[in-house]
Amino acid sequence: MITVPCTAAEALKRARDVAYQGGQYLLGTGDYWPHSEGGSFVDLPWTSKAGVWGSDCAGFAICYAWKLTRHRPGFNKGTWATVSDDINSDSALQDARYKQELFVEVTAPRPGDLLIYPSIYIKGKRFIGHVGLVESVPAVWTVGEYNKLGILQCHGPNGFRPGVVRSDGSTWTKHDVVWPKEAHRSALVRPKERIS
C-alpha cells in the first residue's frame, strides 16, 4: 500500500487525464487500484458496487488523483473521527485537523489542493460532504472565494455522467452560505507530498 501521496503535479495530471473521459458518479465507489485487465494495464478511478461501475468525489479527487488506496486500516482513529480506516471527505478533513498523517489544512490554495466541506448531521439526518481537486487559482484570491477557483470534481447524483468534470468552486461557496457554522464550513486540505 502506498503510504504517502504522489506529487501535486502528478495528481493534477491524473485528474485532468480522466476529465470528460466517461465513467459516472456512484456514491461509495472509486479508488486508486491500477491493475491488469484482459492483458492491458488499467489505471482509472472506477470501481464496482453491486455490478455498477463509478466513482464518488473522494474516490476520484483524493484516492485516484493522489494515488492513495481508499481502505487504510488504522487511518483517522480517534475520538474526533466519524470515519476511520477509509479515506473520504470527512476522514481527510479530520486527519488534517488532528493527526495530520496524510493531510494538512491550509488557507492559501495551490493547484492540487483539496476543497472539502464535511458531512453534517442534523436530527439524525446526514447531509453528505463533498471534495474537489483545485485545478487553478486566480492571481488575486481572498479566503472563502471558492467560486474563483477552478475545480475538477466527480459529483452526484448517482448516475451523473461524465464522471469527472471541470467547474468553479461555487458549490462550496453556496454550501457555506447555507451552512455558515464554523464546523460546517468548507476548508482547503493539502495532501502531504512524497519527498522522493
Protein backbone atom coordinates (compact mmCIF):
# COMPACT_ATOMS: atom_id res chain seq x y z
CA MET A 1 0.00 0.00 0.00
CA ILE A 2 1.27 3.48 -0.84
CA THR A 3 1.60 5.28 2.47
CA VAL A 4 2.12 8.84 1.20
CA PRO A 5 0.61 10.63 -1.80
CA CYS A 6 2.25 11.37 -5.13
CA THR A 7 3.19 14.96 -6.03
CA ALA A 8 0.64 17.69 -6.73
CA ALA A 9 1.83 17.86 -10.36
CA GLU A 10 1.16 14.16 -10.85
CA ALA A 11 -2.22 14.36 -9.06
CA LEU A 12 -3.29 17.21 -11.36
CA LYS A 13 -2.20 15.32 -14.47
CA ARG A 14 -4.04 12.18 -13.38
CA ALA A 15 -7.22 14.19 -12.65
CA ARG A 16 -7.08 16.11 -15.93
CA ASP A 17 -6.50 12.92 -17.92
CA VAL A 18 -9.85 11.43 -16.84
CA ALA A 19 -11.97 14.61 -17.07
CA TYR A 20 -14.80 14.11 -19.58
CA GLN A 21 -13.49 10.62 -20.42
CA GLY A 22 -16.54 8.56 -19.43
CA GLY A 23 -17.46 6.99 -16.14
CA GLN A 24 -20.20 8.06 -13.77
CA TYR A 25 -20.75 9.26 -10.23
CA LEU A 26 -21.69 6.49 -7.79
CA LEU A 27 -21.58 7.12 -4.05
CA GLY A 28 -19.30 4.67 -2.23
CA THR A 29 -17.09 3.82 -5.23
CA GLY A 30 -13.78 4.91 -6.72
CA ASP A 31 -10.21 4.21 -5.65
CA TYR A 32 -6.58 4.05 -6.66
CA TRP A 33 -6.18 0.49 -7.94
CA PRO A 34 -4.01 0.10 -11.05
CA HIS A 35 -4.40 -3.43 -12.40
CA SER A 36 -4.20 -5.70 -15.42
CA GLU A 37 -7.38 -6.41 -17.35
CA GLY A 38 -7.50 -8.54 -20.48
CA GLY A 39 -3.75 -8.23 -20.93
CA SER A 40 -3.81 -4.41 -20.67
CA PHE A 41 -2.76 -2.13 -17.83
CA VAL A 42 -5.72 -0.14 -16.46
CA ASP A 43 -5.38 2.88 -14.16
CA LEU A 44 -8.79 4.55 -13.82
CA PRO A 45 -10.82 5.66 -10.78
CA TRP A 46 -13.89 3.49 -11.46
CA THR A 47 -14.76 0.61 -9.13
CA SER A 48 -17.82 -1.63 -8.92
CA LYS A 49 -20.67 -1.57 -6.42
CA ALA A 50 -23.36 -4.20 -6.92
CA GLY A 51 -22.18 -4.63 -10.53
CA VAL A 52 -22.33 -0.90 -11.36
CA TRP A 53 -19.08 0.97 -12.09
CA GLY A 54 -18.36 4.51 -10.95
CA SER A 55 -16.55 6.80 -8.56
CA ASP A 56 -17.58 9.27 -5.93
CA CYS A 57 -15.89 12.57 -5.14
CA ALA A 58 -13.32 11.19 -2.70
CA GLY A 59 -12.63 8.09 -4.79
CA PHE A 60 -11.64 10.42 -7.62
CA ALA A 61 -10.14 13.60 -6.07
CA ILE A 62 -8.34 12.07 -3.10
CA CYS A 63 -7.69 8.40 -3.84
CA TYR A 64 -7.30 8.16 -7.61
CA ALA A 65 -5.69 11.55 -8.29
CA TRP A 66 -3.30 11.40 -5.33
CA LYS A 67 -2.61 7.64 -5.64
CA LEU A 68 -3.90 6.75 -2.18
CA THR A 69 -5.63 3.42 -1.56
CA ARG A 70 -9.04 4.09 -0.06
CA HIS A 71 -9.13 1.38 2.61
CA ARG A 72 -6.40 2.17 5.16
CA PRO A 73 -6.60 0.19 8.42
CA GLY A 74 -5.78 2.49 11.34
CA PHE A 75 -6.33 5.74 9.44
CA ASN A 76 -8.09 8.57 11.29
CA LYS A 77 -8.54 6.66 14.54
CA GLY A 78 -9.52 8.86 17.48
CA THR A 79 -12.36 10.34 19.47
CA TRP A 80 -12.86 13.06 16.81
CA ALA A 81 -13.38 10.57 13.97
CA THR A 82 -16.70 10.00 12.24
CA VAL A 83 -14.96 7.74 9.67
CA SER A 84 -11.94 5.52 10.39
CA ASP A 85 -9.96 3.01 8.29
CA ASP A 86 -11.06 4.58 4.99
CA ILE A 87 -10.44 7.79 3.08
CA ASN A 88 -13.41 10.02 2.32
CA SER A 89 -14.03 13.76 2.53
CA ASP A 90 -14.71 13.58 6.28
CA SER A 91 -11.72 11.44 7.26
CA ALA A 92 -9.34 13.55 5.12
CA LEU A 93 -10.56 16.78 6.75
CA GLN A 94 -10.47 15.25 10.23
CA ASP A 95 -6.94 13.92 9.67
CA ALA A 96 -5.84 17.41 8.55
CA ARG A 97 -7.22 18.88 11.77
CA TYR A 98 -5.95 16.25 14.20
CA LYS A 99 -3.26 13.65 13.46
CA GLN A 100 -2.03 15.03 10.12
CA GLU A 101 -0.93 11.57 8.99
CA LEU A 102 -1.66 12.29 5.30
CA PHE A 103 -3.23 15.76 5.14
CA VAL A 104 -2.80 19.31 6.48
CA GLU A 105 -5.27 22.20 6.45
CA VAL A 106 -4.13 25.32 4.57
CA THR A 107 -5.53 28.81 3.99
CA ALA A 108 -3.94 29.74 0.64
CA PRO A 109 -4.89 27.33 -2.18
CA ARG A 110 -2.48 25.81 -4.68
CA PRO A 111 -3.30 23.60 -7.66
CA GLY A 112 -3.69 20.03 -6.42
CA ASP A 113 -5.19 21.01 -3.06
CA LEU A 114 -8.49 19.52 -1.97
CA LEU A 115 -11.54 21.71 -1.36
CA ILE A 116 -13.75 19.91 1.18
CA TYR A 117 -16.94 20.50 3.05
CA PRO A 118 -17.79 17.97 5.76
CA SER A 119 -20.86 15.82 6.22
CA ILE A 120 -23.37 17.43 8.54
CA TYR A 121 -25.64 15.53 10.93
CA ILE A 122 -28.87 17.25 11.99
CA LYS A 123 -31.59 15.43 13.94
CA GLY A 124 -30.34 12.05 12.73
CA LYS A 125 -30.17 13.09 9.07
CA ARG A 126 -26.85 13.10 7.24
CA PHE A 127 -26.01 15.71 4.62
CA ILE A 128 -23.06 14.13 2.79
CA GLY A 129 -19.78 16.04 2.46
CA HIS A 130 -18.02 16.73 -0.82
CA VAL A 131 -14.48 17.18 -2.14
CA GLY A 132 -12.99 18.53 -5.36
CA LEU A 133 -9.43 18.97 -6.61
CA VAL A 134 -8.23 22.56 -7.11
CA GLU A 135 -7.06 22.91 -10.71
CA SER A 136 -6.41 26.64 -10.88
CA VAL A 137 -6.10 29.62 -8.54
CA PRO A 138 -6.51 33.25 -9.67
CA ALA A 139 -3.64 35.69 -9.14
CA VAL A 140 -5.75 37.51 -6.55
CA TRP A 141 -7.73 35.36 -4.14
CA THR A 142 -9.35 36.13 -0.79
CA VAL A 143 -10.14 33.48 1.83
CA GLY A 144 -13.57 31.99 1.14
CA GLU A 145 -13.79 33.00 -2.54
CA TYR A 146 -14.07 29.37 -3.61
CA ASN A 147 -16.17 30.34 -6.62
CA LYS A 148 -12.99 31.85 -8.15
CA LEU A 149 -11.12 28.53 -8.05
CA GLY A 150 -11.01 26.11 -10.98
CA ILE A 151 -12.10 22.68 -9.74
CA LEU A 152 -12.01 19.11 -11.08
CA GLN A 153 -14.73 17.06 -9.43
CA CYS A 154 -16.84 13.94 -9.55
CA HIS A 155 -20.32 14.82 -8.29
CA GLY A 156 -23.79 13.39 -7.98
CA PRO A 157 -26.48 12.45 -8.24
CA ASN A 158 -25.78 8.74 -8.74
CA GLY A 159 -25.50 8.05 -12.44
CA PHE A 160 -24.34 11.57 -13.36
CA ARG A 161 -22.12 11.44 -16.47
CA PRO A 162 -19.43 12.10 -17.38
CA GLY A 163 -17.87 11.04 -14.11
CA VAL A 164 -15.30 13.83 -13.83
CA VAL A 165 -15.98 17.42 -14.87
CA ARG A 166 -14.45 20.89 -14.60
CA SER A 167 -16.26 23.62 -12.71
CA ASP A 168 -15.60 26.55 -10.46
CA GLY A 169 -15.92 26.31 -6.70
CA SER A 170 -19.39 27.85 -6.43
CA THR A 171 -20.75 24.63 -4.92
CA TRP A 172 -18.53 25.24 -1.87
CA THR A 173 -19.35 28.97 -1.74
CA LYS A 174 -23.09 28.17 -1.79
CA HIS A 175 -22.60 25.46 0.83
CA ASP A 176 -21.03 27.98 3.21
CA VAL A 177 -23.95 30.39 2.74
CA VAL A 178 -26.46 27.65 3.59
CA TRP A 179 -24.30 26.13 6.39
CA PRO A 180 -22.47 29.10 7.96
CA LYS A 181 -21.41 27.46 11.26
CA GLU A 182 -17.64 27.16 11.54
CA ALA A 183 -17.82 23.36 11.98
CA HIS A 184 -19.78 23.03 8.73
CA ARG A 185 -17.75 25.36 6.52
CA SER A 186 -15.56 24.43 3.57
CA ALA A 187 -11.81 24.03 4.04
CA LEU A 188 -8.69 23.62 1.95
CA VAL A 189 -6.66 20.49 2.61
CA ARG A 190 -3.25 19.63 1.19
CA PRO A 191 -2.01 16.06 0.96
CA LYS A 192 1.49 15.69 2.39
CA GLU A 193 3.51 15.01 -0.77
CA ARG A 194 6.06 12.30 -1.26
CA ILE A 195 9.60 13.64 -0.72
CA SER A 196 11.39 11.37 -3.19
